[in-house]
Amino acid sequence: MKSQKLPIHRIQSQLLREEGGRILLPLRQLLRNLEASIGNTLFTELVTCQPGQDIDDPLCGGKYACAWFISNQLTLVGLWKGPPQTWVKYMPRDLKKAGWQQKCVTSLDIGDVVIYNFHDGNEHIAIYVGDGMAISTTRENHQDKDSLRSPQKHPFLYEGRNDGPRTIKSVWYHPLLFG
């Protein structure tokens, strides 16, 4: 019996999904999703309630939506396990569970997840998209109402912005994005 070679996507990872003979390319899809999310408020609100209490939005209309946005984006391309996260402080734990690995802060590659140190009392998270830029949600109220507290492309250290500059706490990469 002749041995059959496994398709390359099955060798590289279980996360690359075959659909009708096509292969999901996580990095390309992630970048497209991130670019398409700019100005969109889809991942800036979360409807919750405690039993017997009123409905509320723990993301405060997008003011604290960065972890929710990033974990949802990673879920869409199969690079996240479990429910999306709402707290940046738990992102390292959940990134590890999904196969992400921490790397040296001195070099960034497209698709890396960047976690920032506390700034104005909050941690923050973004995805590096190249050319010194990242995409994340923003707490700023922009003059353009379409970008009000929605994902935006910005300098990855926030230089020249009202809420910058920021320092990096950790950088994470997933082997599937570059394998």
Foldseek 3Di string as FASTA:
>chain_A
DDDDDDPPVVVQDPLFDADPNDTQQLLVQLVVVLVVFQLPQPQQFDWDDDVPDDIDTPSNRQLQRFQSVVQVSCVVSRQWDDHGDRAPVCVVVRNVVSQKDWDDPPDDDAQKKWWFDDFPRGIHIWGDHDPQKTWTFHNDQDPPNSRGRTIDIARPQNPPHPRDRIHTDTIIDHVSNPD
